[in-house]
C-alpha cells in the first residue's frame, strides 16, 4: 500500500496514542485529542528516544521523510564524534557541571537537592 497525506488525514483518534510506521525510525502518531504528528524513534546508549519532527498537516509526508533523513545524519555524526571522544553539546554541559562540583561535595548535594534545601544546609552549617 502506498502511503499518502490523505491516508494520514483519515486516521481517527482513539482512546490511547497509537503509531503508524512509515519507514525506518519514522512513525506517524495520533493522539486522543486528535493531534497528529511525525515522530523519529531512535536508540541512544540502549534507550529508545522519541523526537517530534513536526505536526500534521503543516508538515506533509515528503517533508517528514526529509526531516527524518536529516535527523538520522545528525545522530550518526554525533555518535561518531562521541566514539572518538569529541565533545558534543550535551557532554560539554555535563563536563562543566562536573568541573564545578568536583571537590565540593556540599555544592553537589545542594545542586541535587534544590535551592531551598541548599539554603537550609547553609543555615545549619552557619549555626552549627
C-alpha atoms as a PDB file:
ATOM      1  CA  UNK A   1       0.000   0.000   0.000  1.00  0.00           C
ATOM      2  CA  UNK A   2       1.370   3.392  -0.974  1.00  0.00           C
ATOM      3  CA  UNK A   3       1.173   5.918   1.846  1.00  0.00           C
ATOM      4  CA  UNK A   4      -0.101   9.408   1.119  1.00  0.00           C
ATOM      5  CA  UNK A   5      -1.117  12.503   3.041  1.00  0.00           C
ATOM      6  CA  UNK A   6      -4.767  11.513   2.525  1.00  0.00           C
ATOM      7  CA  UNK A   7      -4.135   8.227   4.339  1.00  0.00           C
ATOM      8  CA  UNK A   8      -2.771  10.040   7.399  1.00  0.00           C
ATOM      9  CA  UNK A   9      -5.509  12.685   7.315  1.00  0.00           C
ATOM     10  CA  UNK A  10      -8.151   9.926   7.566  1.00  0.00           C
ATOM     11  CA  UNK A  11      -6.655   8.196  10.631  1.00  0.00           C
ATOM     12  CA  UNK A  12      -9.126   8.625  13.528  1.00  0.00           C
ATOM     13  CA  UNK A  13      -8.170   9.375  17.143  1.00  0.00           C
ATOM     14  CA  UNK A  14      -8.549   6.543  19.645  1.00  0.00           C
ATOM     15  CA  UNK A  15      -8.590   6.421  23.470  1.00  0.00           C
ATOM     16  CA  UNK A  16      -4.778   5.962  23.546  1.00  0.00           C
ATOM     17  CA  UNK A  17      -1.985   7.316  21.355  1.00  0.00           C
ATOM     18  CA  UNK A  18      -1.051   4.993  18.528  1.00  0.00           C
ATOM     19  CA  UNK A  19       1.762   4.971  15.985  1.00  0.00           C
ATOM     20  CA  UNK A  20       1.650   4.095  12.300  1.00  0.00           C
ATOM     21  CA  UNK A  21       5.075   3.079  10.964  1.00  0.00           C
ATOM     22  CA  UNK A  22       6.130   4.948   7.834  1.00  0.00           C
ATOM     23  CA  UNK A  23       9.740   3.861   7.326  1.00  0.00           C
ATOM     24  CA  UNK A  24      12.819   3.011   9.389  1.00  0.00           C
ATOM     25  CA  UNK A  25      12.602   5.146  12.528  1.00  0.00           C
ATOM     26  CA  UNK A  26       9.772   7.380  11.285  1.00  0.00           C
ATOM     27  CA  UNK A  27       6.260   6.931  12.662  1.00  0.00           C
ATOM     28  CA  UNK A  28       3.030   8.891  12.484  1.00  0.00           C
ATOM     29  CA  UNK A  29       1.475   9.375  15.930  1.00  0.00           C
ATOM     30  CA  UNK A  30      -2.217  10.047  16.503  1.00  0.00           C
ATOM     31  CA  UNK A  31      -3.233  11.308  19.948  1.00  0.00           C
ATOM     32  CA  UNK A  32      -6.637  11.000  21.663  1.00  0.00           C
ATOM     33  CA  UNK A  33      -7.285  14.740  21.286  1.00  0.00           C
ATOM     34  CA  UNK A  34      -6.871  14.453  17.502  1.00  0.00           C
ATOM     35  CA  UNK A  35      -3.332  15.861  17.291  1.00  0.00           C
ATOM     36  CA  UNK A  36      -1.268  14.156  14.611  1.00  0.00           C
ATOM     37  CA  UNK A  37       2.492  14.407  14.313  1.00  0.00           C
ATOM     38  CA  UNK A  38       5.593  12.885  12.745  1.00  0.00           C
ATOM     39  CA  UNK A  39       7.957  11.244  15.252  1.00  0.00           C
ATOM     40  CA  UNK A  40      11.512   9.975  14.881  1.00  0.00           C
ATOM     41  CA  UNK A  41      12.252   6.925  17.047  1.00  0.00           C
ATOM     42  CA  UNK A  42      15.918   6.138  17.689  1.00  0.00           C
ATOM     43  CA  UNK A  43      18.146   4.450  20.264  1.00  0.00           C
ATOM     44  CA  UNK A  44      20.921   6.078  22.304  1.00  0.00           C
ATOM     45  CA  UNK A  45      23.001   4.042  24.755  1.00  0.00           C
ATOM     46  CA  UNK A  46      20.385   1.301  24.773  1.00  0.00           C
ATOM     47  CA  UNK A  47      17.448   3.640  25.480  1.00  0.00           C
ATOM     48  CA  UNK A  48      14.674   4.322  22.981  1.00  0.00           C
ATOM     49  CA  UNK A  49      14.042   8.005  22.367  1.00  0.00           C
ATOM     50  CA  UNK A  50      11.204   9.811  20.576  1.00  0.00           C
ATOM     51  CA  UNK A  51      11.682  13.174  18.843  1.00  0.00           C
ATOM     52  CA  UNK A  52       8.757  15.052  17.308  1.00  0.00           C
ATOM     53  CA  UNK A  53       9.662  16.324  13.857  1.00  0.00           C
ATOM     54  CA  UNK A  54       6.501  18.271  13.082  1.00  0.00           C
ATOM     55  CA  UNK A  55       2.731  18.433  13.212  1.00  0.00           C
ATOM     56  CA  UNK A  56       0.374  17.193  10.531  1.00  0.00           C
ATOM     57  CA  UNK A  57      -0.985  18.736   8.269  1.00  0.00           C
ATOM     58  CA  UNK A  58       1.583  21.577   8.440  1.00  0.00           C
ATOM     59  CA  UNK A  59       4.334  19.033   7.679  1.00  0.00           C
ATOM     60  CA  UNK A  60       3.490  16.706   4.803  1.00  0.00           C
ATOM     61  CA  UNK A  61       4.797  13.171   4.257  1.00  0.00           C
ATOM     62  CA  UNK A  62       7.644  14.060   1.886  1.00  0.00           C
ATOM     63  CA  UNK A  63       8.932  16.815   4.207  1.00  0.00           C
ATOM     64  CA  UNK A  64       8.705  14.412   7.183  1.00  0.00           C
ATOM     65  CA  UNK A  65      10.846  11.903   5.288  1.00  0.00           C
ATOM     66  CA  UNK A  66      13.423  14.611   4.550  1.00  0.00           C
ATOM     67  CA  UNK A  67      13.458  15.710   8.204  1.00  0.00           C
ATOM     68  CA  UNK A  68      13.903  12.098   9.369  1.00  0.00           C
ATOM     69  CA  UNK A  69      16.805  11.552   6.959  1.00  0.00           C
ATOM     70  CA  UNK A  70      18.480  14.754   8.148  1.00  0.00           C
ATOM     71  CA  UNK A  71      17.956  13.798  11.811  1.00  0.00           C
ATOM     72  CA  UNK A  72      19.495  10.361  11.126  1.00  0.00           C
ATOM     73  CA  UNK A  73      22.555  12.064   9.574  1.00  0.00           C
ATOM     74  CA  UNK A  74      22.933  14.337  12.609  1.00  0.00           C
ATOM     75  CA  UNK A  75      22.582  11.423  15.039  1.00  0.00           C
ATOM     76  CA  UNK A  76      25.158   9.413  13.094  1.00  0.00           C
ATOM     77  CA  UNK A  77      27.610  12.341  13.185  1.00  0.00           C
ATOM     78  CA  UNK A  78      27.118  12.842  16.936  1.00  0.00           C
ATOM     79  CA  UNK A  79      27.590   9.112  17.535  1.00  0.00           C
ATOM     80  CA  UNK A  80      30.809   9.177  15.519  1.00  0.00           C
ATOM     81  CA  UNK A  81      32.090  12.209  17.441  1.00  0.00           C
ATOM     82  CA  UNK A  82      31.250  10.577  20.764  1.00  0.00           C
ATOM     83  CA  UNK A  83      33.082   7.414  19.722  1.00  0.00           C
ATOM     84  CA  UNK A  84      36.315   9.376  19.281  1.00  0.00           C
ATOM     85  CA  UNK A  85      35.892  11.451  22.420  1.00  0.00           C
ATOM     86  CA  UNK A  86      34.878  14.702  20.769  1.00  0.00           C
ATOM     87  CA  UNK A  87      32.636  16.821  22.951  1.00  0.00           C
ATOM     88  CA  UNK A  88      29.038  17.177  21.824  1.00  0.00           C
ATOM     89  CA  UNK A  89      26.781  19.908  23.151  1.00  0.00           C
ATOM     90  CA  UNK A  90      25.307  17.717  25.913  1.00  0.00           C
ATOM     91  CA  UNK A  91      28.664  16.370  27.082  1.00  0.00           C
ATOM     92  CA  UNK A  92      30.011  19.926  27.227  1.00  0.00           C
ATOM     93  CA  UNK A  93      27.286  20.921  29.662  1.00  0.00           C
ATOM     94  CA  UNK A  94      27.832  17.806  31.781  1.00  0.00           C
ATOM     95  CA  UNK A  95      31.580  18.353  31.989  1.00  0.00           C
ATOM     96  CA  UNK A  96      31.102  21.993  33.035  1.00  0.00           C
ATOM     97  CA  UNK A  97      28.841  20.955  35.911  1.00  0.00           C
ATOM     98  CA  UNK A  98      31.178  18.129  36.895  1.00  0.00           C
ATOM     99  CA  UNK A  99      34.098  20.591  36.993  1.00  0.00           C
ATOM    100  CA  UNK A 100      32.068  22.983  39.118  1.00  0.00           C
ATOM    101  CA  UNK A 101      31.208  20.448  41.832  1.00  0.00           C
ATOM    102  CA  UNK A 102      34.473  18.499  41.756  1.00  0.00           C
ATOM    103  CA  UNK A 103      35.965  18.531  45.265  1.00  0.00           C
ATOM    104  CA  UNK A 104      32.909  20.362  46.643  1.00  0.00           C
ATOM    105  CA  UNK A 105      30.568  17.675  47.992  1.00  0.00           C
ATOM    106  CA  UNK A 106      28.307  20.215  49.739  1.00  0.00           C
ATOM    107  CA  UNK A 107      27.770  22.067  46.473  1.00  0.00           C
ATOM    108  CA  UNK A 108      26.994  18.812  44.680  1.00  0.00           C
ATOM    109  CA  UNK A 109      24.419  17.908  47.338  1.00  0.00           C
ATOM    110  CA  UNK A 110      22.966  21.406  47.242  1.00  0.00           C
ATOM    111  CA  UNK A 111      22.545  21.335  43.461  1.00  0.00           C
ATOM    112  CA  UNK A 112      20.935  17.935  43.717  1.00  0.00           C
ATOM    113  CA  UNK A 113      18.523  18.952  46.456  1.00  0.00           C
ATOM    114  CA  UNK A 114      17.451  22.326  45.168  1.00  0.00           C
ATOM    115  CA  UNK A 115      17.745  25.891  46.363  1.00  0.00           C
ATOM    116  CA  UNK A 116      15.519  25.622  49.458  1.00  0.00           C
ATOM    117  CA  UNK A 117      17.401  22.616  50.746  1.00  0.00           C
ATOM    118  CA  UNK A 118      20.719  24.325  49.990  1.00  0.00           C
ATOM    119  CA  UNK A 119      19.627  27.343  51.981  1.00  0.00           C
ATOM    120  CA  UNK A 120      18.702  25.040  54.862  1.00  0.00           C
ATOM    121  CA  UNK A 121      22.122  23.381  54.706  1.00  0.00           C
ATOM    122  CA  UNK A 122      23.792  26.800  54.743  1.00  0.00           C
ATOM    123  CA  UNK A 123      21.822  27.862  57.827  1.00  0.00           C
ATOM    124  CA  UNK A 124      22.676  24.616  59.626  1.00  0.00           C
ATOM    125  CA  UNK A 125      26.347  24.997  58.692  1.00  0.00           C
ATOM    126  CA  UNK A 126      26.455  28.638  59.857  1.00  0.00           C
ATOM    127  CA  UNK A 127      24.652  27.947  63.139  1.00  0.00           C
ATOM    128  CA  UNK A 128      26.259  24.609  63.836  1.00  0.00           C
END
